[in-house]
Amino acid sequence: MSATDIRKIPAQETRGLRHAILRPNQPPEMAVYPGDDDADTLHLGVYTEGRLVGVASLYREPPPDALRATTAWRLRGMAVDATLRGHGHGAALLKACMEHAARQGGSQVWCNARMTASGFYRAQGFAQRGEPFDLPGIGPHHLMWRNLGTS
């Protein structure tokens, strides 16, 4: 990975890549997620040679199967330019998100991973929970999670 910079960005700056990569067949407003503007939500962008090539958002939110209150964070809207996948941008974004969650006292990061991305998350230490499910208009997903080593 060369000339790469990861930095905090406003929610608005995530939406172009979110729409183009994650929801290309949906209206642009579908790239606006609940919680985007919450005070503790984190949006990160990865830049290479000054160009935004990847985004990820992190929300303080328990997983859907939580039986008790947790200090979990939800990863959402992670997208990397298709021409630059496999160059470490996604792994760097994910690492930055997990470090942020850990600094905030988080015990776990979870996401609804597209089946096509589940191998990436497994390679980053995430585990699958439950059976695959379909998100209408988007496709098949797995609930995936990774403990952060804090209690």
Protein backbone atom coordinates (compact mmCIF):
# COMPACT_ATOMS: atom_id res chain seq x y z
CA MET A 1 0.00 0.00 0.00
CA SER A 2 1.60 3.30 -1.02
CA ALA A 3 0.86 6.90 -0.04
CA THR A 4 -2.14 5.90 2.08
CA ASP A 5 -3.84 8.06 4.68
CA ILE A 6 -6.74 7.05 6.94
CA ARG A 7 -8.67 9.87 8.55
CA LYS A 8 -11.98 10.76 10.15
CA ILE A 9 -14.49 12.14 7.66
CA PRO A 10 -18.05 13.47 7.87
CA ALA A 11 -20.92 11.07 7.11
CA GLN A 12 -21.67 12.95 3.88
CA GLU A 13 -18.27 11.98 2.45
CA THR A 14 -18.96 8.25 2.87
CA ARG A 15 -22.08 8.25 0.76
CA GLY A 16 -20.62 8.41 -2.73
CA LEU A 17 -18.66 5.18 -2.32
CA ARG A 18 -21.42 3.57 -0.23
CA HIS A 19 -23.87 4.18 -3.04
CA ALA A 20 -21.56 3.28 -5.93
CA ILE A 21 -20.21 0.08 -4.38
CA LEU A 22 -22.80 -1.18 -1.91
CA ARG A 23 -26.12 0.05 -3.27
CA PRO A 24 -25.70 0.91 -6.98
CA ASN A 25 -29.21 -0.22 -7.92
CA GLN A 26 -30.94 1.74 -5.18
CA PRO A 27 -31.71 5.44 -4.82
CA PRO A 28 -28.83 7.52 -3.37
CA GLU A 29 -30.76 8.18 -0.15
CA MET A 30 -30.38 4.46 0.68
CA ALA A 31 -26.70 5.24 1.39
CA VAL A 32 -27.80 7.34 4.39
CA TYR A 33 -27.86 5.07 7.45
CA PRO A 34 -29.61 5.53 10.79
CA GLY A 35 -27.09 6.76 13.33
CA ASP A 36 -24.82 8.41 10.75
CA ASP A 37 -25.02 11.71 12.60
CA ASP A 38 -24.86 10.36 16.18
CA ALA A 39 -22.16 12.01 18.27
CA ASP A 40 -20.25 8.75 18.87
CA THR A 41 -20.45 7.40 15.32
CA LEU A 42 -17.10 7.25 13.55
CA HIS A 43 -16.67 7.57 9.79
CA LEU A 44 -13.26 6.84 8.30
CA GLY A 45 -11.93 7.31 4.82
CA VAL A 46 -8.80 5.84 3.28
CA TYR A 47 -7.06 8.03 0.76
CA THR A 48 -4.35 7.12 -1.67
CA GLU A 49 -2.56 9.84 -3.58
CA GLY A 50 -5.19 12.28 -2.29
CA ARG A 51 -8.18 10.30 -3.60
CA LEU A 52 -10.85 8.74 -1.35
CA VAL A 53 -10.75 5.03 -2.19
CA GLY A 54 -12.46 3.42 0.80
CA VAL A 55 -14.87 4.17 3.63
CA ALA A 56 -16.13 2.52 6.81
CA SER A 57 -18.53 3.60 9.55
CA LEU A 58 -18.66 2.43 13.15
CA TYR A 59 -21.74 2.76 15.37
CA ARG A 60 -22.16 2.04 19.08
CA GLU A 61 -24.82 -0.67 18.72
CA PRO A 62 -25.37 -4.14 20.21
CA PRO A 63 -25.75 -7.06 17.80
CA PRO A 64 -29.31 -8.21 17.07
CA ASP A 65 -28.88 -11.38 19.13
CA ALA A 66 -27.54 -9.64 22.26
CA LEU A 67 -29.21 -11.04 25.36
CA ARG A 68 -27.84 -8.28 27.57
CA ALA A 69 -26.39 -4.84 27.18
CA THR A 70 -22.99 -4.98 25.53
CA THR A 71 -20.26 -2.59 24.64
CA ALA A 72 -20.36 -3.67 21.01
CA TRP A 73 -19.76 -1.55 17.95
CA ARG A 74 -21.32 -2.17 14.55
CA LEU A 75 -19.24 -1.86 11.41
CA ARG A 76 -21.34 -0.70 8.51
CA GLY A 77 -20.97 0.73 5.03
CA MET A 78 -17.45 -0.55 4.48
CA ALA A 79 -16.55 -0.14 0.84
CA VAL A 80 -13.29 -0.03 -1.12
CA ASP A 81 -12.95 0.93 -4.78
CA ALA A 82 -13.15 -2.37 -6.71
CA THR A 83 -9.99 -1.59 -8.69
CA LEU A 84 -7.99 -1.29 -5.46
CA ARG A 85 -9.18 -4.32 -3.51
CA GLY A 86 -6.48 -6.66 -2.34
CA HIS A 87 -4.02 -3.84 -1.65
CA GLY A 88 -4.65 -3.66 2.12
CA HIS A 89 -6.98 -0.65 2.19
CA GLY A 90 -9.91 -2.59 3.65
CA ALA A 91 -7.73 -4.30 6.26
CA ALA A 92 -6.27 -0.93 7.28
CA LEU A 93 -9.75 0.60 7.60
CA LEU A 94 -11.00 -2.35 9.62
CA LYS A 95 -7.97 -2.21 11.92
CA ALA A 96 -8.53 1.51 12.53
CA CYS A 97 -12.20 0.84 13.36
CA MET A 98 -11.35 -1.94 15.80
CA GLU A 99 -8.70 0.22 17.49
CA HIS A 100 -11.24 3.02 17.91
CA ALA A 101 -13.83 0.65 19.40
CA ALA A 102 -11.24 -0.76 21.83
CA ARG A 103 -10.18 2.77 22.92
CA GLN A 104 -13.86 3.49 23.63
CA GLY A 105 -14.14 0.43 25.90
CA GLY A 106 -15.75 -1.76 23.25
CA SER A 107 -15.73 -5.51 23.75
CA GLN A 108 -16.70 -6.56 20.23
CA VAL A 109 -17.14 -5.36 16.64
CA TRP A 110 -19.86 -6.95 14.54
CA CYS A 111 -21.30 -6.53 11.05
CA ASN A 112 -23.73 -7.93 8.55
CA ALA A 113 -21.18 -9.13 5.99
CA ARG A 114 -22.11 -9.82 2.41
CA MET A 115 -21.41 -13.45 1.54
CA THR A 116 -18.93 -12.18 -1.05
CA ALA A 117 -16.97 -10.38 1.72
CA SER A 118 -17.18 -13.01 4.46
CA GLY A 119 -13.78 -14.48 3.51
CA PHE A 120 -12.20 -11.06 4.02
CA TYR A 121 -13.71 -10.78 7.50
CA ARG A 122 -12.66 -14.34 8.42
CA ALA A 123 -9.09 -13.47 7.38
CA GLN A 124 -9.30 -10.52 9.80
CA GLY A 125 -10.29 -12.75 12.71
CA PHE A 126 -14.08 -12.44 12.52
CA ALA A 127 -16.36 -15.42 13.16
CA GLN A 128 -19.76 -16.17 11.68
CA ARG A 129 -22.78 -16.37 13.96
CA GLY A 130 -25.99 -18.09 12.90
CA GLU A 131 -27.28 -18.97 9.47
CA PRO A 132 -26.98 -16.83 6.31
CA PHE A 133 -29.83 -14.39 5.72
CA ASP A 134 -31.00 -12.21 2.87
CA LEU A 135 -31.26 -8.42 3.00
CA PRO A 136 -33.89 -7.46 0.41
CA GLY A 137 -32.43 -5.57 -2.51
CA ILE A 138 -28.87 -6.25 -1.35
CA GLY A 139 -28.41 -10.02 -1.12
CA PRO A 140 -27.17 -12.81 1.16
CA HIS A 141 -25.27 -11.94 4.35
CA HIS A 142 -23.69 -13.47 7.44
CA LEU A 143 -23.71 -11.94 10.91
CA MET A 144 -20.02 -11.76 11.79
CA TRP A 145 -18.23 -10.58 14.91
CA ARG A 146 -14.83 -10.29 16.54
CA ASN A 147 -14.03 -9.87 20.22
CA LEU A 148 -11.63 -7.07 21.06
CA GLY A 149 -10.11 -8.70 24.13
CA THR A 150 -11.68 -6.31 26.65
CA SER A 151 -14.43 -7.01 29.12
